[in-house]
Every structure is written in C-alpha cells, then in structure tokens.
C-alpha cells in the first residue's frame, strides 16, 4: 500500500522574509529539524514565531497525532506530534502526514523508523548534491499496512518500551533539576548560610540556626527522594558557615579564578580510515557530540597513546556547536569537538559539573566561543571568570551527595540503553512477522 492511500501529506512553511524566531514563549512554537530528537518533538530548546509573523504561516501547523518527517538536511528523522505541540508551526524542512488516530500514527512512526521504512525513504530521496525527499516521493512510499488488530498489538508492545524509556528520561531530568537547584541554593544564593546567619543575628542559638539550615535544605525536595538521611542533613547544616563576609561570600569560603580549578584537555581526531563501526578487540569507543543524543551510529578507533580518554563520570564539554554544554555518561576516547575538564584538587568533580551546568554559565561560554578567533571554546574562554569554592570538608559533603545523583542518572541511562536495544531488536521482527503478535 502507498502512503498517499493512508495519510494526507503536506509540506511546511519558512518564516516570512525578515522575520526571525524568538526564544520568548508565546502560543506559536515552531518545530525545526533540530527539535526532532526522539519519538516526540523535544520541548527543551523550542523557539517561537513572533506574533506579527504568524498570520503569514498560520495555515502550516501540525496537530496531535500528525507524523512529521524531515525532508532536507538529515533526511528521514521521524516524530509524532503530541498534545503539547498541537497547532505548532511546521518548518519547510519537514512534511506532515496527517489523518490517523493515535494507534495508527504510532504504527506509521515505527514503520518509518524501521530499516524497511528508512530504505523506502532513501529510495524516494532525489538529488546528489543537495538531497531532498520530495512530497511525491513520500506519497509513493510503500508500507506494509497490516490488519487493524495486528497494528494495535505491534504498537502496544513497542509503545510499552517507549513509555518506560520516556519515564526514565523524566526521572533523570528531575534528578538533574534537583542537583542544579541545590547547587544554586548552596553555592550561588547561599540560602542555608543566610538562614543560619539570620537566626544568630536575631539572638537565636546555634542549634536553632542549624535547624533553620536543615529546613532550607529539606525544602529543596531531596529528602522526598530519600537521597539524604536525617543525620546527613544535620551534618551538612552544621558544616555550613554561620555568617556572610563583607565580600558577599560565606566566611571560610573563597572567591577564586575559575581556570585555577581544572585542566582543559582537548580531544583527538584520528583519520577516518581508522574508524570502524562494530566493536573489535584492540579498539575503543570514539565519542562524538552526536552520541549523547543518539547511540545508534557508534564509532570505534584503535587503542592508542594519542587518544584522549574519559570514563562515564568525567566532565566533558562541547567546544563547537553547543559550546559550553556539559556531557557525561559514555566511556571511551573523545574527539576534537569535546574537551575534558579535569579537576585540580580533591572532591571537586561534582562541584564543577553542576557549576558548569548552570544556564548562565552555559550562555556565557556560548557567547565567549562565538567571540573567539576560531569560533570555539578553548582554555582562554575561562579567563576572568570567578567561582566561590567552599572549604575542603564541605566540598567532600557535596561530592558525596552529588555522586549519589550521578550514580542514579547513569543507572537509569543504562536501563534506557537496554530498553532501546530490546525495542530496536523487536521492531523489524514484529513488522516482518518473524515474531508473532
């Protein structure tokens, strides 16, 4: 059966001449190819159509249960539109396939993501210099449109795996948000320190001051996730300074040059002739920026002293593109688009990780990279930046706390990797009938 017999197919629309997308939220999110990261469009970095430009593209919107497919650039990316993006505007670099219910939209998604579906997409793509997937090509894609009950069963099996993957992703997002909130409260806003200082300034006892600090820390939701025992909470509160210095920094903590706290170690780039795409003994995983979004195209290179290596917990940072974006979770040899931030001194890894995860720090480094002569992040990008460092004992307490979070995040990432492998193993077998439903 041809796709044109199942769905309505329509292209998107570019912004009017002179109009640019905005990051300020309004009612008109604009879906770009870069937002097509998984089964559903990512909401993390959406941009929006200005109110004065929307009337000119208002007829090019997507609705819930539409399926969109990228038709230029990275051709063949596929996403389903969920409720959150109902009536969003659609880029001209995508086509929408509409007219299906929720189950059939998911079946179409799984087919187009499968090897069989991607093969059909490649056959329908035209142009050698600038490949494009034309609408007439999409119309003539052949699909195995199984019986309704078979489609429902296939979708049920695969979507259960995807639902668990999505839940795990949300769990990790929550864990990261907790770590970010804690870092900001403790080391930027100094909330527990100020709470203690206020109690003491009003004539309270040290025990009352520590209790106030515990209340501030507990209010950040950590105890609800059983991350900190009562004894640990008390220990952290007791270790907090009791007053702020004249320089605006807690007494006993230091405001120091950021670039004195770590080494900036750039990656390596072996020739492509050394790349292989299945693991063999004597080879190591070659880590590229794209691997943190999807691990479907893994690369391996020979083990060599020239390689720059990292473990799963090391702090890596993008030098190009999303310069300043923190990465972790993959062990191997990283490429020249990445650098490792190796802490100088003990118990600073998690402190530095969550410092660099702050949005304002990422934005600053992004801007700094754009201003450099090579348009990239380098060791000089950190010159002039200051950071407030707590005493060694408190660094250890934070390292222990944040290490628990990182351990949980890595555990969930591993589970998601295994779930994706199971899903990708089952997908072609379910579609071909090799595994019965």
Protein backbone atom coordinates (compact mmCIF):
# COMPACT_ATOMS: atom_id res chain seq x y z
CA UNK A 1 0.00 0.00 0.00
CA UNK A 2 1.21 3.55 -0.77
CA UNK A 3 1.38 6.25 1.89
CA UNK A 4 -0.82 8.52 -0.21
CA UNK A 5 -3.63 5.98 0.26
CA UNK A 6 -3.37 6.21 4.06
CA UNK A 7 -2.46 9.79 5.03
CA UNK A 8 -2.70 13.37 3.88
CA UNK A 9 0.75 14.76 3.06
CA UNK A 10 1.69 18.42 3.22
CA UNK A 11 4.86 20.47 3.45
CA UNK A 12 5.74 23.18 5.96
CA UNK A 13 6.44 26.88 5.58
CA UNK A 14 9.51 29.03 6.11
CA UNK A 15 9.26 32.24 8.09
CA UNK A 16 8.38 35.39 6.14
CA UNK A 17 11.34 37.35 4.81
CA UNK A 18 12.94 39.42 7.56
CA UNK A 19 11.28 37.51 10.40
CA UNK A 20 13.32 35.56 12.95
CA UNK A 21 12.34 33.11 15.64
CA UNK A 22 12.30 34.25 19.26
CA UNK A 23 13.13 32.40 22.46
CA UNK A 24 10.39 34.21 24.41
CA UNK A 25 7.44 31.87 24.74
CA UNK A 26 4.11 32.61 23.08
CA UNK A 27 1.32 30.49 21.59
CA UNK A 28 3.23 29.71 18.37
CA UNK A 29 6.07 27.20 18.86
CA UNK A 30 7.98 26.47 15.66
CA UNK A 31 9.19 22.91 15.07
CA UNK A 32 12.64 22.68 13.50
CA UNK A 33 14.55 19.59 12.38
CA UNK A 34 16.94 20.08 15.30
CA UNK A 35 14.00 19.56 17.68
CA UNK A 36 13.32 16.08 16.25
CA UNK A 37 15.39 14.12 18.75
CA UNK A 38 13.14 11.22 19.68
CA UNK A 39 9.65 9.75 19.29
CA UNK A 40 8.11 13.08 20.22
CA UNK A 41 9.47 16.53 19.41
CA UNK A 42 11.79 17.83 22.13
CA UNK A 43 10.49 20.81 24.07
CA UNK A 44 13.89 21.68 25.55
CA UNK A 45 15.09 24.24 23.01
CA UNK A 46 11.93 25.31 21.21
CA UNK A 47 11.77 28.71 19.58
CA UNK A 48 8.65 30.65 18.70
CA UNK A 49 7.11 32.54 15.78
CA UNK A 50 6.71 36.27 16.50
CA UNK A 51 3.08 37.37 16.75
CA UNK A 52 3.42 39.70 13.77
CA UNK A 53 4.78 36.92 11.54
CA UNK A 54 2.36 34.14 12.50
CA UNK A 55 -0.59 35.27 10.29
CA UNK A 56 1.53 34.63 7.18
CA UNK A 57 2.24 30.99 8.10
CA UNK A 58 -0.89 30.19 10.12
CA UNK A 59 -2.07 27.59 7.60
CA UNK A 60 1.05 25.47 8.10
CA UNK A 61 0.50 23.95 11.50
CA UNK A 62 0.58 20.43 12.90
CA UNK A 63 -1.96 18.71 15.10
CA UNK A 64 -1.90 15.98 17.70
CA UNK A 65 -1.18 12.54 16.15
CA UNK A 66 0.34 14.01 12.99
CA UNK A 67 3.60 12.33 11.99
CA UNK A 68 6.36 14.59 10.69
CA UNK A 69 9.39 13.57 8.64
CA UNK A 70 12.48 15.62 7.78
CA UNK A 71 12.90 16.09 4.02
CA UNK A 72 16.21 18.01 3.70
CA UNK A 73 19.47 18.00 5.64
CA UNK A 74 19.26 14.96 7.89
CA UNK A 75 16.57 13.22 5.86
CA UNK A 76 14.31 10.62 7.43
CA UNK A 77 14.01 11.82 11.02
CA UNK A 78 10.52 10.97 12.25
CA UNK A 79 8.43 12.29 15.16
CA UNK A 80 4.85 12.12 16.38
CA UNK A 81 3.11 15.34 17.41
CA UNK A 82 1.70 15.10 20.92
CA UNK A 83 -0.81 17.28 22.73
CA UNK A 84 1.85 19.74 23.89
CA UNK A 85 2.54 20.83 20.29
CA UNK A 86 -0.97 20.77 18.89
CA UNK A 87 -1.23 23.76 16.50
CA UNK A 88 2.54 24.33 16.43
CA UNK A 89 4.05 25.78 13.25
CA UNK A 90 5.97 23.45 10.97
CA UNK A 91 9.30 24.13 9.27
CA UNK A 92 9.57 23.90 5.50
CA UNK A 93 12.22 21.24 6.08
CA UNK A 94 9.58 18.75 7.22
CA UNK A 95 6.47 17.18 5.77
CA UNK A 96 3.47 16.24 7.88
CA UNK A 97 1.48 13.05 7.48
CA UNK A 98 -1.98 13.54 8.95
CA UNK A 99 -5.38 11.90 9.26
CA UNK A 100 -4.52 9.00 11.57
CA UNK A 101 -5.69 8.07 15.04
CA UNK A 102 -3.21 7.70 17.90
CA UNK A 103 -2.51 3.99 17.35
CA UNK A 104 -2.06 4.25 13.60
CA UNK A 105 0.14 7.33 13.96
CA UNK A 106 2.42 5.26 16.19
CA UNK A 107 2.38 2.33 13.77
CA UNK A 108 3.40 4.66 10.93
CA UNK A 109 6.13 6.12 13.13
CA UNK A 110 7.54 2.67 13.92
CA UNK A 111 7.43 1.64 10.27
CA UNK A 112 9.24 4.77 9.09
CA UNK A 113 11.88 4.31 11.81
CA UNK A 114 12.48 0.68 10.86
CA UNK A 115 15.12 -0.48 8.38
CA UNK A 116 12.35 -1.18 5.88
CA UNK A 117 10.91 2.31 6.29
CA UNK A 118 14.30 4.03 6.08
CA UNK A 119 15.05 2.03 2.93
CA UNK A 120 11.83 3.34 1.37
CA UNK A 121 12.80 6.88 2.37
CA UNK A 122 16.23 6.52 0.74
CA UNK A 123 14.64 5.21 -2.47
CA UNK A 124 12.29 8.20 -2.55
CA UNK A 125 15.09 10.75 -1.98
CA UNK A 126 16.32 12.69 -5.02
CA UNK A 127 19.33 14.91 -5.77
CA UNK A 128 23.01 14.06 -5.44
CA UNK A 129 24.45 17.45 -4.44
CA UNK A 130 21.56 18.56 -2.22
CA UNK A 131 19.42 15.50 -1.47
CA UNK A 132 15.74 16.09 -0.81
CA UNK A 133 12.75 13.93 -0.02
CA UNK A 134 10.00 15.38 -2.25
CA UNK A 135 6.33 15.18 -1.34
CA UNK A 136 5.62 12.99 -4.37
CA UNK A 137 8.33 10.65 -3.15
CA UNK A 138 6.65 10.38 0.25
CA UNK A 139 3.31 9.72 -1.44
CA UNK A 140 4.76 6.69 -3.21
CA UNK A 141 6.48 5.10 -0.21
CA UNK A 142 5.29 1.52 0.09
CA UNK A 143 4.19 0.47 3.57
CA UNK A 144 3.12 -2.87 4.99
CA UNK A 145 -0.21 -1.70 6.42
CA UNK A 146 -1.21 -4.70 8.48
CA UNK A 147 -4.67 -5.50 9.79
CA UNK A 148 -6.06 -3.22 12.48
CA UNK A 149 -5.64 -5.81 15.23
CA UNK A 150 -2.03 -6.53 14.18
CA UNK A 151 -1.22 -2.81 14.13
CA UNK A 152 -2.69 -2.41 17.60
CA UNK A 153 -0.69 -5.32 19.02
CA UNK A 154 2.59 -4.17 17.49
CA UNK A 155 2.07 -0.64 18.79
CA UNK A 156 1.16 -1.96 22.24
CA UNK A 157 4.40 -3.94 22.54
CA UNK A 158 6.71 -1.22 21.24
CA UNK A 159 4.99 1.70 22.97
CA UNK A 160 5.25 0.00 26.36
CA UNK A 161 9.02 0.04 25.92
CA UNK A 162 8.96 3.64 24.72
CA UNK A 163 6.75 4.68 27.66
CA UNK A 164 9.27 3.24 30.10
CA UNK A 165 12.11 4.99 28.26
CA UNK A 166 10.22 8.28 28.46
CA UNK A 167 9.50 7.79 32.18
CA UNK A 168 13.18 7.10 32.82
CA UNK A 169 14.12 10.21 30.86
CA UNK A 170 11.79 12.27 33.04
CA UNK A 171 13.31 10.73 36.18
CA UNK A 172 16.77 11.80 35.04
CA UNK A 173 15.56 15.28 34.20
CA UNK A 174 14.15 15.56 37.71
CA UNK A 175 17.42 14.36 39.24
CA UNK A 176 19.38 16.92 37.23
CA UNK A 177 16.96 19.68 38.23
CA UNK A 178 17.43 18.75 41.90
CA UNK A 179 21.21 18.90 41.60
CA UNK A 180 21.04 22.23 39.79
CA UNK A 181 18.65 23.70 42.37
CA UNK A 182 20.82 22.51 45.25
CA UNK A 183 23.98 23.94 43.71
CA UNK A 184 22.34 27.32 43.15
CA UNK A 185 20.90 27.42 46.67
CA UNK A 186 24.09 26.37 48.43
CA UNK A 187 26.83 27.96 46.31
CA UNK A 188 25.25 30.89 44.47
CA UNK A 189 22.43 32.22 46.66
CA UNK A 190 23.92 30.82 49.90
CA UNK A 191 20.41 30.20 51.28
CA UNK A 192 21.33 27.87 54.19
CA UNK A 193 24.18 30.16 55.28
CA UNK A 194 21.91 33.20 55.23
CA UNK A 195 19.25 31.29 57.17
CA UNK A 196 21.78 30.45 59.90
CA UNK A 197 23.14 34.00 59.97
CA UNK A 198 19.65 35.49 60.32
CA UNK A 199 18.76 33.27 63.29
CA UNK A 200 22.02 34.12 65.06
CA UNK A 201 21.62 37.84 64.31
CA UNK A 202 18.20 37.73 65.97
CA UNK A 203 19.61 36.17 69.12
CA UNK A 204 18.92 32.54 68.32
CA UNK A 205 21.12 29.65 69.41
CA UNK A 206 23.47 27.67 67.18
CA UNK A 207 21.10 24.69 67.39
CA UNK A 208 18.26 26.91 66.17
CA UNK A 209 20.49 28.22 63.37
CA UNK A 210 21.35 24.70 62.27
CA UNK A 211 17.66 23.76 62.37
CA UNK A 212 16.91 26.70 60.07
CA UNK A 213 19.56 25.49 57.63
CA UNK A 214 18.09 21.97 57.72
CA UNK A 215 14.67 23.43 56.93
CA UNK A 216 16.06 25.29 53.90
CA UNK A 217 17.86 22.20 52.61
CA UNK A 218 14.85 19.93 53.18
CA UNK A 219 12.65 22.35 51.30
CA UNK A 220 14.51 21.54 48.08
CA UNK A 221 12.82 18.15 47.73
CA UNK A 222 15.87 15.98 48.30
CA UNK A 223 14.58 14.21 51.38
CA UNK A 224 11.45 13.21 49.48
CA UNK A 225 13.67 11.20 47.16
CA UNK A 226 15.43 9.55 50.12
CA UNK A 227 18.75 10.98 49.00
CA UNK A 228 19.76 12.35 52.34
CA UNK A 229 19.29 10.75 55.72
CA UNK A 230 18.38 12.89 58.71
CA UNK A 231 21.92 12.51 60.03
CA UNK A 232 23.39 13.63 56.69
CA UNK A 233 21.08 16.65 56.58
CA UNK A 234 22.21 17.62 60.06
CA UNK A 235 25.87 17.12 59.14
CA UNK A 236 25.52 19.36 56.08
CA UNK A 237 23.72 22.05 58.07
CA UNK A 238 26.39 22.01 60.79
CA UNK A 239 29.15 22.33 58.15
CA UNK A 240 27.59 25.46 56.64
CA UNK A 241 29.26 28.73 57.69
CA UNK A 242 27.30 30.88 60.13
CA UNK A 243 27.88 34.28 58.57
CA UNK A 244 28.48 36.10 55.32
CA UNK A 245 31.71 38.02 54.79
CA UNK A 246 31.98 41.64 53.68
CA UNK A 247 32.81 40.37 50.19
CA UNK A 248 29.42 38.65 49.91
CA UNK A 249 30.95 35.18 50.29
CA UNK A 250 30.33 32.88 53.29
CA UNK A 251 33.10 33.19 55.87
CA UNK A 252 35.69 30.45 55.30
CA UNK A 253 34.87 30.07 51.61
CA UNK A 254 36.95 31.65 48.82
CA UNK A 255 36.24 33.54 45.62
CA UNK A 256 38.94 32.32 43.19
CA UNK A 257 39.85 32.32 39.49
CA UNK A 258 37.84 29.60 37.75
CA UNK A 259 40.68 28.44 35.49
CA UNK A 260 42.79 27.51 38.54
CA UNK A 261 40.33 24.74 39.43
CA UNK A 262 40.65 22.42 36.43
CA UNK A 263 42.69 21.41 33.39
CA UNK A 264 41.14 21.90 29.94
CA UNK A 265 42.11 18.81 27.90
CA UNK A 266 41.08 18.86 24.24
CA UNK A 267 40.22 15.69 22.33
CA UNK A 268 41.96 13.90 19.46
CA UNK A 269 40.90 13.17 15.89
CA UNK A 270 42.32 10.01 14.29
CA UNK A 271 41.92 9.73 10.49
CA UNK A 272 38.61 8.38 9.22
CA UNK A 273 40.48 5.46 7.66
CA UNK A 274 40.94 4.12 11.20
CA UNK A 275 37.23 4.25 12.04
CA UNK A 276 35.19 1.05 12.29
CA UNK A 277 31.54 0.72 13.19
CA UNK A 278 31.41 -2.52 15.15
CA UNK A 279 33.47 -3.22 18.24
CA UNK A 280 36.63 -5.32 17.86
CA UNK A 281 39.32 -6.22 20.35
CA UNK A 282 42.03 -3.57 20.38
CA UNK A 283 39.53 -0.79 19.65
CA UNK A 284 37.85 1.77 21.88
CA UNK A 285 34.61 3.74 21.60
CA UNK A 286 35.15 7.04 19.75
CA UNK A 287 32.92 9.65 21.37
CA UNK A 288 31.39 12.45 19.30
CA UNK A 289 28.87 15.13 20.30
CA UNK A 290 26.06 13.38 18.44
CA UNK A 291 26.47 10.25 20.58
CA UNK A 292 24.93 11.99 23.57
CA UNK A 293 21.65 12.42 21.68
CA UNK A 294 21.59 9.02 19.96
CA UNK A 295 23.86 5.99 20.21
CA UNK A 296 22.64 4.34 17.02
CA UNK A 297 25.79 5.07 14.99
CA UNK A 298 28.70 4.11 17.21
CA UNK A 299 32.28 4.51 16.02
CA UNK A 300 35.41 2.74 17.27
CA UNK A 301 39.10 3.59 16.82
CA UNK A 302 42.33 1.71 17.60
CA UNK A 303 43.61 1.91 21.16
CA UNK A 304 46.48 4.42 21.07
CA UNK A 305 48.51 6.66 23.35
CA UNK A 306 47.35 9.54 21.14
CA UNK A 307 43.76 9.04 22.26
CA UNK A 308 42.24 11.35 24.86
CA UNK A 309 40.15 9.12 27.11
CA UNK A 310 37.38 9.59 29.65
CA UNK A 311 35.20 7.48 31.91
CA UNK A 312 31.44 7.77 32.32
CA UNK A 313 31.65 10.22 35.23
CA UNK A 314 34.23 12.58 33.74
CA UNK A 315 33.08 16.09 32.81
CA UNK A 316 33.18 16.74 29.07
CA UNK A 317 32.16 19.99 27.42
CA UNK A 318 31.31 20.92 23.83
CA UNK A 319 33.89 23.13 22.11
CA UNK A 320 31.84 23.79 18.96
CA UNK A 321 28.14 24.00 18.10
CA UNK A 322 26.53 23.92 21.53
CA UNK A 323 29.74 25.26 23.06
CA UNK A 324 29.64 25.09 26.85
CA UNK A 325 27.20 22.18 27.02
CA UNK A 326 28.23 19.65 29.67
CA UNK A 327 28.37 15.95 28.71
CA UNK A 328 28.93 12.72 30.62
CA UNK A 329 27.85 9.10 30.62
CA UNK A 330 29.98 7.50 27.89
CA UNK A 331 33.43 5.96 28.37
CA UNK A 332 35.99 5.97 25.57
CA UNK A 333 38.19 8.33 23.54
CA UNK A 334 36.63 11.73 22.81
CA UNK A 335 37.07 13.75 19.62
CA UNK A 336 38.27 17.30 18.97
CA UNK A 337 34.78 18.78 19.32
CA UNK A 338 34.92 17.90 23.02
CA UNK A 339 37.22 18.73 25.91
CA UNK A 340 37.57 17.17 29.34
CA UNK A 341 37.53 19.34 32.45
CA UNK A 342 39.87 17.56 34.86
CA UNK A 343 39.56 18.92 38.42
CA UNK A 344 42.66 20.20 40.19
CA UNK A 345 42.43 19.01 43.77
CA UNK A 346 40.19 16.53 45.54
CA UNK A 347 36.39 16.31 45.70
CA UNK A 348 35.74 18.95 43.04
CA UNK A 349 34.34 16.87 40.18
CA UNK A 350 30.67 17.17 41.12
CA UNK A 351 31.07 20.75 42.27
CA UNK A 352 32.48 21.71 38.87
CA UNK A 353 29.95 19.59 36.97
CA UNK A 354 26.98 21.44 38.43
CA UNK A 355 28.71 24.80 38.25
CA UNK A 356 29.10 24.38 34.50
CA UNK A 357 25.52 23.09 34.21
CA UNK A 358 24.13 26.46 35.27
CA UNK A 359 22.25 28.11 32.41
CA UNK A 360 24.01 31.46 32.82
CA UNK A 361 27.42 29.79 32.67
CA UNK A 362 26.49 27.87 29.51
CA UNK A 363 25.17 31.06 27.92
CA UNK A 364 28.34 32.97 28.81
CA UNK A 365 30.60 30.26 27.39
CA UNK A 366 28.47 30.02 24.24
CA UNK A 367 28.88 33.76 23.69
CA UNK A 368 32.59 33.55 24.52
CA UNK A 369 33.11 30.83 21.92
CA UNK A 370 31.40 32.94 19.26
CA UNK A 371 33.72 35.85 20.04
CA UNK A 372 36.93 33.82 19.75
CA UNK A 373 39.02 33.88 16.57
CA UNK A 374 38.40 30.18 15.89
CA UNK A 375 34.74 30.32 16.92
CA UNK A 376 35.25 27.65 19.57
CA UNK A 377 35.65 27.11 23.29
CA UNK A 378 39.26 26.97 24.47
CA UNK A 379 41.26 27.32 27.68
CA UNK A 380 41.30 31.12 27.39
CA UNK A 381 37.47 31.20 27.39
CA UNK A 382 37.53 30.89 31.19
CA UNK A 383 39.93 33.77 31.84
CA UNK A 384 38.49 36.35 34.22
CA UNK A 385 35.70 34.09 35.50
CA UNK A 386 35.38 33.74 39.27
CA UNK A 387 33.98 30.88 41.33
CA UNK A 388 33.17 30.58 45.03
CA UNK A 389 34.84 27.47 46.47
CA UNK A 390 33.75 26.08 49.86
CA UNK A 391 36.15 24.59 52.37
CA UNK A 392 37.51 21.06 51.82
CA UNK A 393 35.12 19.42 54.29
CA UNK A 394 32.07 20.91 52.61
CA UNK A 395 33.40 20.01 49.17
CA UNK A 396 33.52 16.40 50.36
CA UNK A 397 29.94 16.55 51.65
CA UNK A 398 28.68 17.91 48.33
CA UNK A 399 30.76 15.41 46.36
CA UNK A 400 29.16 12.55 48.30
CA UNK A 401 25.64 13.92 47.81
CA UNK A 402 26.03 14.71 44.11
CA UNK A 403 27.79 11.40 43.41
CA UNK A 404 24.61 9.62 44.51
CA UNK A 405 22.65 11.62 41.93
CA UNK A 406 25.17 10.89 39.17
CA UNK A 407 25.11 7.20 40.06
CA UNK A 408 21.32 7.12 39.80
CA UNK A 409 21.39 9.02 36.49
CA UNK A 410 23.93 6.61 34.99
CA UNK A 411 21.93 3.63 36.23
CA UNK A 412 18.79 4.95 34.53
CA UNK A 413 20.74 5.74 31.34
CA UNK A 414 21.97 2.14 31.25
CA UNK A 415 18.44 0.83 31.68
CA UNK A 416 17.27 3.07 28.83
CA UNK A 417 20.07 1.79 26.59
CA UNK A 418 18.96 -1.77 27.27
CA UNK A 419 15.30 -0.90 26.66
CA UNK A 420 16.17 0.77 23.34
CA UNK A 421 18.19 -2.27 22.28
CA UNK A 422 15.21 -4.51 23.06
CA UNK A 423 12.84 -2.24 21.14
CA UNK A 424 15.14 -1.98 18.13
CA UNK A 425 15.63 -5.77 18.14
CA UNK A 426 11.88 -6.41 18.20
CA UNK A 427 10.85 -3.70 15.70
CA UNK A 428 11.87 -5.40 12.43
CA UNK A 429 10.80 -8.82 13.68
CA UNK A 430 7.32 -7.59 14.61
CA UNK A 431 6.89 -5.78 11.30
CA UNK A 432 8.09 -8.76 9.26
CA UNK A 433 6.00 -11.26 11.21
CA UNK A 434 9.07 -13.17 12.41
CA UNK A 435 7.81 -12.53 15.94
CA UNK A 436 4.10 -13.18 16.12
CA UNK A 437 1.57 -10.94 17.81
